[in-house]
């Protein structure tokens, strides 16, 4: 399968710890493959962003898409994944899973 582009999205409401996470997957020509979303609970907006990345990358891998570009709204989470930064204990498990080969 060719390379795809996966955009992640997350929305977080601090007052009740509710979040919506998901993403949009497109092929190399920009055509929509699928859109994903799921409600969840979390503690921070960065946790919601990281959970969205995990959700979207899991879908890609399960669908047999091993080559993909992942795009984020959160530069903080993007840098944590790029740098394999696990100093944030709340996100450590998610970051480790995302950076595992």
PDB file of N, CA and C in Angstrom:
ATOM      1  N   UNK A   1       0.836  -1.185   0.000  1.00  0.00           N
ATOM      2  CA  UNK A   1       0.000   0.000   0.000  1.00  0.00           C
ATOM      3  C   UNK A   1       0.877   1.243   0.000  1.00  0.00           C
ATOM      4  N   UNK A   2       0.383   2.302  -0.616  1.00  0.00           N
ATOM      5  CA  UNK A   2       1.137   3.538  -0.684  1.00  0.00           C
ATOM      6  C   UNK A   2       1.090   4.323   0.615  1.00  0.00           C
ATOM      7  N   UNK A   3       1.820   5.408   0.609  1.00  0.00           N
ATOM      8  CA  UNK A   3       1.882   6.268   1.785  1.00  0.00           C
ATOM      9  C   UNK A   3       0.591   7.076   1.907  1.00  0.00           C
ATOM     10  N   UNK A   4       0.123   7.234   3.140  1.00  0.00           N
ATOM     11  CA  UNK A   4      -1.090   8.000   3.401  1.00  0.00           C
ATOM     12  C   UNK A   4      -0.782   9.152   4.356  1.00  0.00           C
ATOM     13  N   UNK A   5      -1.734  10.057   4.493  1.00  0.00           N
ATOM     14  CA  UNK A   5      -1.600  11.177   5.424  1.00  0.00           C
ATOM     15  C   UNK A   5      -2.698  11.054   6.466  1.00  0.00           C
ATOM     16  N   UNK A   6      -2.317  11.139   7.731  1.00  0.00           N
ATOM     17  CA  UNK A   6      -3.261  11.040   8.835  1.00  0.00           C
ATOM     18  C   UNK A   6      -3.216  12.330   9.650  1.00  0.00           C
ATOM     19  N   UNK A   7      -4.337  13.030   9.696  1.00  0.00           N
ATOM     20  CA  UNK A   7      -4.462  14.236  10.516  1.00  0.00           C
ATOM     21  C   UNK A   7      -5.191  13.859  11.799  1.00  0.00           C
ATOM     22  N   UNK A   8      -4.647  14.261  12.941  1.00  0.00           N
ATOM     23  CA  UNK A   8      -5.296  13.972  14.217  1.00  0.00           C
ATOM     24  C   UNK A   8      -6.012  15.212  14.729  1.00  0.00           C
ATOM     25  N   UNK A   9      -7.076  14.964  15.481  1.00  0.00           N
ATOM     26  CA  UNK A   9      -7.854  16.048  16.076  1.00  0.00           C
ATOM     27  C   UNK A   9      -8.268  15.652  17.484  1.00  0.00           C
ATOM     28  N   UNK A  10      -8.299  16.645  18.366  1.00  0.00           N
ATOM     29  CA  UNK A  10      -8.757  16.400  19.731  1.00  0.00           C
ATOM     30  C   UNK A  10      -9.408  17.663  20.274  1.00  0.00           C
ATOM     31  N   UNK A  11     -10.444  17.460  21.057  1.00  0.00           N
ATOM     32  CA  UNK A  11     -11.123  18.551  21.737  1.00  0.00           C
ATOM     33  C   UNK A  11     -11.322  18.122  23.181  1.00  0.00           C
ATOM     34  N   UNK A  12     -11.034  19.015  24.132  1.00  0.00           N
ATOM     35  CA  UNK A  12     -11.036  18.659  25.546  1.00  0.00           C
ATOM     36  C   UNK A  12     -11.801  19.702  26.348  1.00  0.00           C
ATOM     37  N   UNK A  13     -12.669  19.235  27.252  1.00  0.00           N
ATOM     38  CA  UNK A  13     -13.402  20.123  28.157  1.00  0.00           C
ATOM     39  C   UNK A  13     -12.887  19.867  29.570  1.00  0.00           C
ATOM     40  N   UNK A  14     -12.158  20.820  30.122  1.00  0.00           N
ATOM     41  CA  UNK A  14     -11.508  20.658  31.420  1.00  0.00           C
ATOM     42  C   UNK A  14     -12.507  20.419  32.549  1.00  0.00           C
ATOM     43  N   UNK A  15     -13.633  21.117  32.525  1.00  0.00           N
ATOM     44  CA  UNK A  15     -14.597  21.057  33.628  1.00  0.00           C
ATOM     45  C   UNK A  15     -15.150  19.654  33.887  1.00  0.00           C
ATOM     46  N   UNK A  16     -15.302  18.852  32.870  1.00  0.00           N
ATOM     47  CA  UNK A  16     -15.848  17.503  33.066  1.00  0.00           C
ATOM     48  C   UNK A  16     -14.924  16.391  32.547  1.00  0.00           C
ATOM     49  N   UNK A  17     -13.730  16.749  32.130  1.00  0.00           N
ATOM     50  CA  UNK A  17     -12.709  15.801  31.643  1.00  0.00           C
ATOM     51  C   UNK A  17     -13.143  15.013  30.409  1.00  0.00           C
ATOM     52  N   UNK A  18     -14.123  15.520  29.698  1.00  0.00           N
ATOM     53  CA  UNK A  18     -14.559  14.845  28.470  1.00  0.00           C
ATOM     54  C   UNK A  18     -13.741  15.329  27.284  1.00  0.00           C
ATOM     55  N   UNK A  19     -13.567  14.415  26.351  1.00  0.00           N
ATOM     56  CA  UNK A  19     -12.806  14.758  25.146  1.00  0.00           C
ATOM     57  C   UNK A  19     -13.381  14.003  23.959  1.00  0.00           C
ATOM     58  N   UNK A  20     -13.145  14.549  22.807  1.00  0.00           N
ATOM     59  CA  UNK A  20     -13.428  13.869  21.556  1.00  0.00           C
ATOM     60  C   UNK A  20     -12.116  13.766  20.806  1.00  0.00           C
ATOM     61  N   UNK A  21     -11.786  12.582  20.339  1.00  0.00           N
ATOM     62  CA  UNK A  21     -10.538  12.389  19.603  1.00  0.00           C
ATOM     63  C   UNK A  21     -10.847  11.717  18.271  1.00  0.00           C
ATOM     64  N   UNK A  22      -9.950  11.906  17.329  1.00  0.00           N
ATOM     65  CA  UNK A  22     -10.148  11.273  16.040  1.00  0.00           C
ATOM     66  C   UNK A  22      -9.165  11.759  15.007  1.00  0.00           C
ATOM     67  N   UNK A  23      -9.548  11.576  13.764  1.00  0.00           N
ATOM     68  CA  UNK A  23      -8.670  11.991  12.691  1.00  0.00           C
ATOM     69  C   UNK A  23      -9.288  11.763  11.330  1.00  0.00           C
ATOM     70  N   UNK A  24      -8.557  12.211  10.333  1.00  0.00           N
ATOM     71  CA  UNK A  24      -8.937  12.032   8.936  1.00  0.00           C
ATOM     72  C   UNK A  24      -7.761  11.376   8.223  1.00  0.00           C
ATOM     73  N   UNK A  25      -8.049  10.336   7.467  1.00  0.00           N
ATOM     74  CA  UNK A  25      -7.023   9.600   6.731  1.00  0.00           C
ATOM     75  C   UNK A  25      -7.252   9.832   5.240  1.00  0.00           C
ATOM     76  N   UNK A  26      -6.184  10.256   4.551  1.00  0.00           N
ATOM     77  CA  UNK A  26      -6.269  10.508   3.104  1.00  0.00           C
ATOM     78  C   UNK A  26      -5.156   9.743   2.384  1.00  0.00           C
ATOM     79  N   UNK A  27      -5.438   9.393   1.134  1.00  0.00           N
ATOM     80  CA  UNK A  27      -4.418   8.716   0.335  1.00  0.00           C
ATOM     81  C   UNK A  27      -3.460   9.742  -0.267  1.00  0.00           C
ATOM     82  N   UNK A  28      -2.528   9.266  -1.073  1.00  0.00           N
ATOM     83  CA  UNK A  28      -1.491  10.128  -1.646  1.00  0.00           C
ATOM     84  C   UNK A  28      -2.050  11.213  -2.557  1.00  0.00           C
ATOM     85  N   UNK A  29      -3.247  11.008  -3.097  1.00  0.00           N
ATOM     86  CA  UNK A  29      -3.857  12.021  -3.966  1.00  0.00           C
ATOM     87  C   UNK A  29      -4.734  12.999  -3.189  1.00  0.00           C
ATOM     88  N   UNK A  30      -4.887  12.763  -1.884  1.00  0.00           N
ATOM     89  CA  UNK A  30      -5.727  13.633  -1.064  1.00  0.00           C
ATOM     90  C   UNK A  30      -7.155  13.158  -0.923  1.00  0.00           C
ATOM     91  N   UNK A  31      -7.473  12.032  -1.536  1.00  0.00           N
ATOM     92  CA  UNK A  31      -8.828  11.486  -1.438  1.00  0.00           C
ATOM     93  C   UNK A  31      -9.053  10.877  -0.057  1.00  0.00           C
ATOM     94  N   UNK A  32     -10.237  11.082   0.461  1.00  0.00           N
ATOM     95  CA  UNK A  32     -10.594  10.589   1.783  1.00  0.00           C
ATOM     96  C   UNK A  32     -10.642   9.066   1.802  1.00  0.00           C
ATOM     97  N   UNK A  33      -9.954   8.485   2.762  1.00  0.00           N
ATOM     98  CA  UNK A  33     -10.052   7.048   3.017  1.00  0.00           C
ATOM     99  C   UNK A  33     -11.091   6.825   4.113  1.00  0.00           C
ATOM    100  N   UNK A  34     -10.943   7.544   5.222  1.00  0.00           N
ATOM    101  CA  UNK A  34     -11.914   7.451   6.309  1.00  0.00           C
ATOM    102  C   UNK A  34     -11.754   8.623   7.266  1.00  0.00           C
ATOM    103  N   UNK A  35     -12.787   8.849   8.040  1.00  0.00           N
ATOM    104  CA  UNK A  35     -12.759   9.805   9.147  1.00  0.00           C
ATOM    105  C   UNK A  35     -13.117   9.022  10.402  1.00  0.00           C
ATOM    106  N   UNK A  36     -12.420   9.304  11.478  1.00  0.00           N
ATOM    107  CA  UNK A  36     -12.581   8.557  12.718  1.00  0.00           C
ATOM    108  C   UNK A  36     -12.891   9.510  13.861  1.00  0.00           C
ATOM    109  N   UNK A  37     -13.721   9.091  14.798  1.00  0.00           N
ATOM    110  CA  UNK A  37     -13.915   9.874  16.021  1.00  0.00           C
ATOM    111  C   UNK A  37     -14.472   8.982  17.109  1.00  0.00           C
ATOM    112  N   UNK A  38     -14.142   9.323  18.335  1.00  0.00           N
ATOM    113  CA  UNK A  38     -14.620   8.576  19.487  1.00  0.00           C
ATOM    114  C   UNK A  38     -14.598   9.499  20.707  1.00  0.00           C
ATOM    115  N   UNK A  39     -15.616   9.406  21.569  1.00  0.00           N
ATOM    116  CA  UNK A  39     -15.575  10.168  22.816  1.00  0.00           C
ATOM    117  C   UNK A  39     -14.696   9.441  23.828  1.00  0.00           C
ATOM    118  N   UNK A  40     -14.070  10.196  24.716  1.00  0.00           N
ATOM    119  CA  UNK A  40     -13.219   9.592  25.740  1.00  0.00           C
ATOM    120  C   UNK A  40     -13.122  10.536  26.932  1.00  0.00           C
ATOM    121  N   UNK A  41     -12.374  10.156  27.928  1.00  0.00           N
ATOM    122  CA  UNK A  41     -12.111  10.998  29.088  1.00  0.00           C
ATOM    123  C   UNK A  41     -10.605  11.123  29.238  1.00  0.00           C
ATOM    124  N   UNK A  42     -10.163  12.289  29.661  1.00  0.00           N
ATOM    125  CA  UNK A  42      -8.743  12.502  29.900  1.00  0.00           C
ATOM    126  C   UNK A  42      -8.573  13.656  30.879  1.00  0.00           C
ATOM    127  N   UNK A  43      -7.337  13.988  31.190  1.00  0.00           N
ATOM    128  CA  UNK A  43      -7.044  15.013  32.194  1.00  0.00           C
ATOM    129  C   UNK A  43      -6.550  16.335  31.612  1.00  0.00           C
ATOM    130  N   UNK A  44      -5.966  16.303  30.409  1.00  0.00           N
ATOM    131  CA  UNK A  44      -5.407  17.524  29.819  1.00  0.00           C
ATOM    132  C   UNK A  44      -5.627  17.532  28.309  1.00  0.00           C
ATOM    133  N   UNK A  45      -5.472  18.713  27.730  1.00  0.00           N
ATOM    134  CA  UNK A  45      -5.578  18.802  26.271  1.00  0.00           C
ATOM    135  C   UNK A  45      -4.440  18.039  25.590  1.00  0.00           C
ATOM    136  N   UNK A  46      -3.247  18.054  26.174  1.00  0.00           N
ATOM    137  CA  UNK A  46      -2.134  17.303  25.579  1.00  0.00           C
ATOM    138  C   UNK A  46      -2.387  15.799  25.638  1.00  0.00           C
ATOM    139  N   UNK A  47      -3.024  15.338  26.706  1.00  0.00           N
ATOM    140  CA  UNK A  47      -3.377  13.927  26.781  1.00  0.00           C
ATOM    141  C   UNK A  47      -4.386  13.579  25.687  1.00  0.00           C
ATOM    142  N   UNK A  48      -5.356  14.450  25.461  1.00  0.00           N
ATOM    143  CA  UNK A  48      -6.333  14.220  24.389  1.00  0.00           C
ATOM    144  C   UNK A  48      -5.638  14.159  23.032  1.00  0.00           C
ATOM    145  N   UNK A  49      -4.701  15.068  22.783  1.00  0.00           N
ATOM    146  CA  UNK A  49      -3.958  15.074  21.515  1.00  0.00           C
ATOM    147  C   UNK A  49      -3.145  13.790  21.347  1.00  0.00           C
ATOM    148  N   UNK A  50      -2.488  13.351  22.420  1.00  0.00           N
ATOM    149  CA  UNK A  50      -1.691  12.124  22.349  1.00  0.00           C
ATOM    150  C   UNK A  50      -2.588  10.904  22.133  1.00  0.00           C
ATOM    151  N   UNK A  51      -3.741  10.887  22.802  1.00  0.00           N
ATOM    152  CA  UNK A  51      -4.685   9.782  22.620  1.00  0.00           C
ATOM    153  C   UNK A  51      -5.218   9.747  21.189  1.00  0.00           C
ATOM    154  N   UNK A  52      -5.439  10.917  20.604  1.00  0.00           N
ATOM    155  CA  UNK A  52      -5.885  10.980  19.207  1.00  0.00           C
ATOM    156  C   UNK A  52      -4.820  10.390  18.287  1.00  0.00           C
ATOM    157  N   UNK A  53      -3.563  10.719  18.544  1.00  0.00           N
ATOM    158  CA  UNK A  53      -2.470  10.166  17.734  1.00  0.00           C
ATOM    159  C   UNK A  53      -2.417   8.650  17.856  1.00  0.00           C
ATOM    160  N   UNK A  54      -2.591   8.145  19.063  1.00  0.00           N
ATOM    161  CA  UNK A  54      -2.580   6.701  19.276  1.00  0.00           C
ATOM    162  C   UNK A  54      -3.752   6.032  18.561  1.00  0.00           C
ATOM    163  N   UNK A  55      -4.917   6.635  18.643  1.00  0.00           N
ATOM    164  CA  UNK A  55      -6.121   6.101  18.000  1.00  0.00           C
ATOM    165  C   UNK A  55      -5.942   6.036  16.480  1.00  0.00           C
ATOM    166  N   UNK A  56      -5.450   7.118  15.907  1.00  0.00           N
ATOM    167  CA  UNK A  56      -5.287   7.192  14.450  1.00  0.00           C
ATOM    168  C   UNK A  56      -4.179   6.252  13.966  1.00  0.00           C
ATOM    169  N   UNK A  57      -3.047   6.226  14.656  1.00  0.00           N
ATOM    170  CA  UNK A  57      -1.961   5.338  14.223  1.00  0.00           C
ATOM    171  C   UNK A  57      -2.348   3.869  14.384  1.00  0.00           C
ATOM    172  N   UNK A  58      -3.121   3.560  15.408  1.00  0.00           N
ATOM    173  CA  UNK A  58      -3.603   2.181  15.576  1.00  0.00           C
ATOM    174  C   UNK A  58      -4.487   1.779  14.402  1.00  0.00           C
ATOM    175  N   UNK A  59      -5.365   2.693  13.980  1.00  0.00           N
ATOM    176  CA  UNK A  59      -6.218   2.407  12.828  1.00  0.00           C
ATOM    177  C   UNK A  59      -5.361   2.163  11.586  1.00  0.00           C
ATOM    178  N   UNK A  60      -4.366   3.016  11.370  1.00  0.00           N
ATOM    179  CA  UNK A  60      -3.491   2.870  10.198  1.00  0.00           C
ATOM    180  C   UNK A  60      -2.815   1.501  10.193  1.00  0.00           C
ATOM    181  N   UNK A  61      -2.242   1.127  11.320  1.00  0.00           N
ATOM    182  CA  UNK A  61      -1.532  -0.151  11.400  1.00  0.00           C
ATOM    183  C   UNK A  61      -2.473  -1.331  11.209  1.00  0.00           C
ATOM    184  N   UNK A  62      -3.654  -1.274  11.829  1.00  0.00           N
ATOM    185  CA  UNK A  62      -4.624  -2.361  11.680  1.00  0.00           C
ATOM    186  C   UNK A  62      -5.124  -2.470  10.245  1.00  0.00           C
ATOM    187  N   UNK A  63      -5.149  -1.340   9.538  1.00  0.00           N
ATOM    188  CA  UNK A  63      -5.587  -1.339   8.146  1.00  0.00           C
ATOM    189  C   UNK A  63      -4.487  -1.704   7.166  1.00  0.00           C
ATOM    190  N   UNK A  64      -3.293  -2.000   7.677  1.00  0.00           N
ATOM    191  CA  UNK A  64      -2.182  -2.388   6.816  1.00  0.00           C
ATOM    192  C   UNK A  64      -1.400  -1.221   6.248  1.00  0.00           C
ATOM    193  N   UNK A  65      -1.662  -0.022   6.754  1.00  0.00           N
ATOM    194  CA  UNK A  65      -0.935   1.167   6.301  1.00  0.00           C
ATOM    195  C   UNK A  65       0.263   1.382   7.224  1.00  0.00           C
ATOM    196  N   UNK A  66       1.431   0.984   6.770  1.00  0.00           N
ATOM    197  CA  UNK A  66       2.633   1.118   7.585  1.00  0.00           C
ATOM    198  C   UNK A  66       3.428   2.372   7.263  1.00  0.00           C
ATOM    199  N   UNK A  67       3.118   3.008   6.133  1.00  0.00           N
ATOM    200  CA  UNK A  67       3.790   4.250   5.745  1.00  0.00           C
ATOM    201  C   UNK A  67       2.757   5.369   5.784  1.00  0.00           C
ATOM    202  N   UNK A  68       2.937   6.282   6.724  1.00  0.00           N
ATOM    203  CA  UNK A  68       1.995   7.395   6.829  1.00  0.00           C
ATOM    204  C   UNK A  68       2.685   8.615   7.423  1.00  0.00           C
ATOM    205  N   UNK A  69       2.212   9.775   7.006  1.00  0.00           N
ATOM    206  CA  UNK A  69       2.617  11.033   7.618  1.00  0.00           C
ATOM    207  C   UNK A  69       1.552  11.375   8.637  1.00  0.00           C
ATOM    208  N   UNK A  70       1.979  11.708   9.838  1.00  0.00           N
ATOM    209  CA  UNK A  70       1.066  12.043  10.918  1.00  0.00           C
ATOM    210  C   UNK A  70       1.146  13.536  11.175  1.00  0.00           C
ATOM    211  N   UNK A  71       0.010  14.200  11.148  1.00  0.00           N
ATOM    212  CA  UNK A  71      -0.036  15.650  11.333  1.00  0.00           C
ATOM    213  C   UNK A  71      -0.860  15.979  12.570  1.00  0.00           C
ATOM    214  N   UNK A  72      -0.335  16.900  13.385  1.00  0.00           N
ATOM    215  CA  UNK A  72      -0.946  17.263  14.664  1.00  0.00           C
ATOM    216  C   UNK A  72      -1.349  18.727  14.697  1.00  0.00           C
ATOM    217  N   UNK A  73      -2.258  19.053  15.614  1.00  0.00           N
ATOM    218  CA  UNK A  73      -2.520  20.443  15.954  1.00  0.00           C
ATOM    219  C   UNK A  73      -1.592  20.885  17.083  1.00  0.00           C
ATOM    220  N   UNK A  74      -1.151  19.946  17.907  1.00  0.00           N
ATOM    221  CA  UNK A  74      -0.332  20.259  19.076  1.00  0.00           C
ATOM    222  C   UNK A  74       1.154  20.072  18.777  1.00  0.00           C
ATOM    223  N   UNK A  75       1.876  21.170  18.747  1.00  0.00           N
ATOM    224  CA  UNK A  75       3.327  21.106  18.549  1.00  0.00           C
ATOM    225  C   UNK A  75       3.996  20.434  19.750  1.00  0.00           C
ATOM    226  N   UNK A  76       3.426  20.611  20.933  1.00  0.00           N
ATOM    227  CA  UNK A  76       3.995  19.997  22.137  1.00  0.00           C
ATOM    228  C   UNK A  76       3.995  18.477  22.000  1.00  0.00           C
ATOM    229  N   UNK A  77       2.854  17.911  21.662  1.00  0.00           N
ATOM    230  CA  UNK A  77       2.756  16.454  21.519  1.00  0.00           C
ATOM    231  C   UNK A  77       3.582  15.974  20.323  1.00  0.00           C
ATOM    232  N   UNK A  78       3.567  16.700  19.232  1.00  0.00           N
ATOM    233  CA  UNK A  78       4.374  16.325  18.063  1.00  0.00           C
ATOM    234  C   UNK A  78       5.849  16.247  18.434  1.00  0.00           C
ATOM    235  N   UNK A  79       6.338  17.231  19.177  1.00  0.00           N
ATOM    236  CA  UNK A  79       7.744  17.224  19.591  1.00  0.00           C
ATOM    237  C   UNK A  79       8.035  16.104  20.585  1.00  0.00           C
ATOM    238  N   UNK A  80       7.089  15.822  21.482  1.00  0.00           N
ATOM    239  CA  UNK A  80       7.290  14.716  22.427  1.00  0.00           C
ATOM    240  C   UNK A  80       7.455  13.398  21.676  1.00  0.00           C
ATOM    241  N   UNK A  81       6.652  13.190  20.655  1.00  0.00           N
ATOM    242  CA  UNK A  81       6.740  11.954  19.870  1.00  0.00           C
ATOM    243  C   UNK A  81       8.030  11.931  19.058  1.00  0.00           C
ATOM    244  N   UNK A  82       8.336  13.042  18.395  1.00  0.00           N
ATOM    245  CA  UNK A  82       9.547  13.121  17.568  1.00  0.00           C
ATOM    246  C   UNK A  82      10.802  12.881  18.403  1.00  0.00           C
ATOM    247  N   UNK A  83      10.843  13.479  19.610  1.00  0.00           N
ATOM    248  CA  UNK A  83      12.018  13.386  20.477  1.00  0.00           C
ATOM    249  C   UNK A  83      11.970  12.191  21.429  1.00  0.00           C
ATOM    250  N   UNK A  84      10.887  11.401  21.359  1.00  0.00           N
ATOM    251  CA  UNK A  84      10.683  10.278  22.281  1.00  0.00           C
ATOM    252  C   UNK A  84      10.798  10.746  23.730  1.00  0.00           C
ATOM    253  N   UNK A  85      10.195  11.893  24.009  1.00  0.00           N
ATOM    254  CA  UNK A  85      10.251  12.539  25.321  1.00  0.00           C
ATOM    255  C   UNK A  85       9.187  11.936  26.233  1.00  0.00           C
ATOM    256  N   UNK A  86       9.631  11.192  27.253  1.00  0.00           N
ATOM    257  CA  UNK A  86       8.694  10.549  28.172  1.00  0.00           C
ATOM    258  C   UNK A  86       8.798  11.120  29.585  1.00  0.00           C
ATOM    259  N   UNK A  87       9.233  12.366  29.703  1.00  0.00           N
ATOM    260  CA  UNK A  87       9.339  12.983  31.030  1.00  0.00           C
ATOM    261  C   UNK A  87       7.972  13.271  31.641  1.00  0.00           C
ATOM    262  N   UNK A  88       6.973  13.508  30.808  1.00  0.00           N
ATOM    263  CA  UNK A  88       5.616  13.752  31.294  1.00  0.00           C
ATOM    264  C   UNK A  88       4.998  12.397  31.647  1.00  0.00           C
ATOM    265  N   UNK A  89       4.879  12.125  32.945  1.00  0.00           N
ATOM    266  CA  UNK A  89       4.430  10.806  33.384  1.00  0.00           C
ATOM    267  C   UNK A  89       3.000  10.491  32.965  1.00  0.00           C
ATOM    268  N   UNK A  90       2.156  11.517  32.810  1.00  0.00           N
ATOM    269  CA  UNK A  90       0.775  11.287  32.384  1.00  0.00           C
ATOM    270  C   UNK A  90       0.715  10.801  30.935  1.00  0.00           C
ATOM    271  N   UNK A  91       1.705  11.169  30.142  1.00  0.00           N
ATOM    272  CA  UNK A  91       1.717  10.794  28.726  1.00  0.00           C
ATOM    273  C   UNK A  91       2.745   9.717  28.397  1.00  0.00           C
ATOM    274  N   UNK A  92       3.522   9.311  29.389  1.00  0.00           N
ATOM    275  CA  UNK A  92       4.629   8.386  29.154  1.00  0.00           C
ATOM    276  C   UNK A  92       4.199   7.118  28.413  1.00  0.00           C
ATOM    277  N   UNK A  93       3.154   6.459  28.874  1.00  0.00           N
ATOM    278  CA  UNK A  93       2.711   5.213  28.240  1.00  0.00           C
ATOM    279  C   UNK A  93       2.290   5.407  26.797  1.00  0.00           C
ATOM    280  N   UNK A  94       1.578   6.499  26.532  1.00  0.00           N
ATOM    281  CA  UNK A  94       1.125   6.773  25.165  1.00  0.00           C
ATOM    282  C   UNK A  94       2.313   7.071  24.262  1.00  0.00           C
ATOM    283  N   UNK A  95       3.232   7.919  24.731  1.00  0.00           N
ATOM    284  CA  UNK A  95       4.408   8.288  23.922  1.00  0.00           C
ATOM    285  C   UNK A  95       5.268   7.054  23.652  1.00  0.00           C
ATOM    286  N   UNK A  96       5.458   6.213  24.670  1.00  0.00           N
ATOM    287  CA  UNK A  96       6.244   4.990  24.462  1.00  0.00           C
ATOM    288  C   UNK A  96       5.590   4.078  23.423  1.00  0.00           C
ATOM    289  N   UNK A  97       4.278   3.953  23.472  1.00  0.00           N
ATOM    290  CA  UNK A  97       3.567   3.125  22.492  1.00  0.00           C
ATOM    291  C   UNK A  97       3.705   3.706  21.089  1.00  0.00           C
ATOM    292  N   UNK A  98       3.570   5.029  20.974  1.00  0.00           N
ATOM    293  CA  UNK A  98       3.656   5.679  19.665  1.00  0.00           C
ATOM    294  C   UNK A  98       5.052   5.614  19.060  1.00  0.00           C
ATOM    295  N   UNK A  99       6.077   5.569  19.886  1.00  0.00           N
ATOM    296  CA  UNK A  99       7.451   5.589  19.370  1.00  0.00           C
ATOM    297  C   UNK A  99       8.064   4.193  19.282  1.00  0.00           C
ATOM    298  N   UNK A 100       7.313   3.186  19.663  1.00  0.00           N
ATOM    299  CA  UNK A 100       7.792   1.809  19.568  1.00  0.00           C
ATOM    300  C   UNK A 100       7.814   1.391  18.101  1.00  0.00           C
ATOM    301  N   UNK A 101       8.928   0.777  17.647  1.00  0.00           N
ATOM    302  CA  UNK A 101       9.005   0.364  16.236  1.00  0.00           C
ATOM    303  C   UNK A 101       7.997  -0.701  15.869  1.00  0.00           C
TER     304      UNK A 101
END
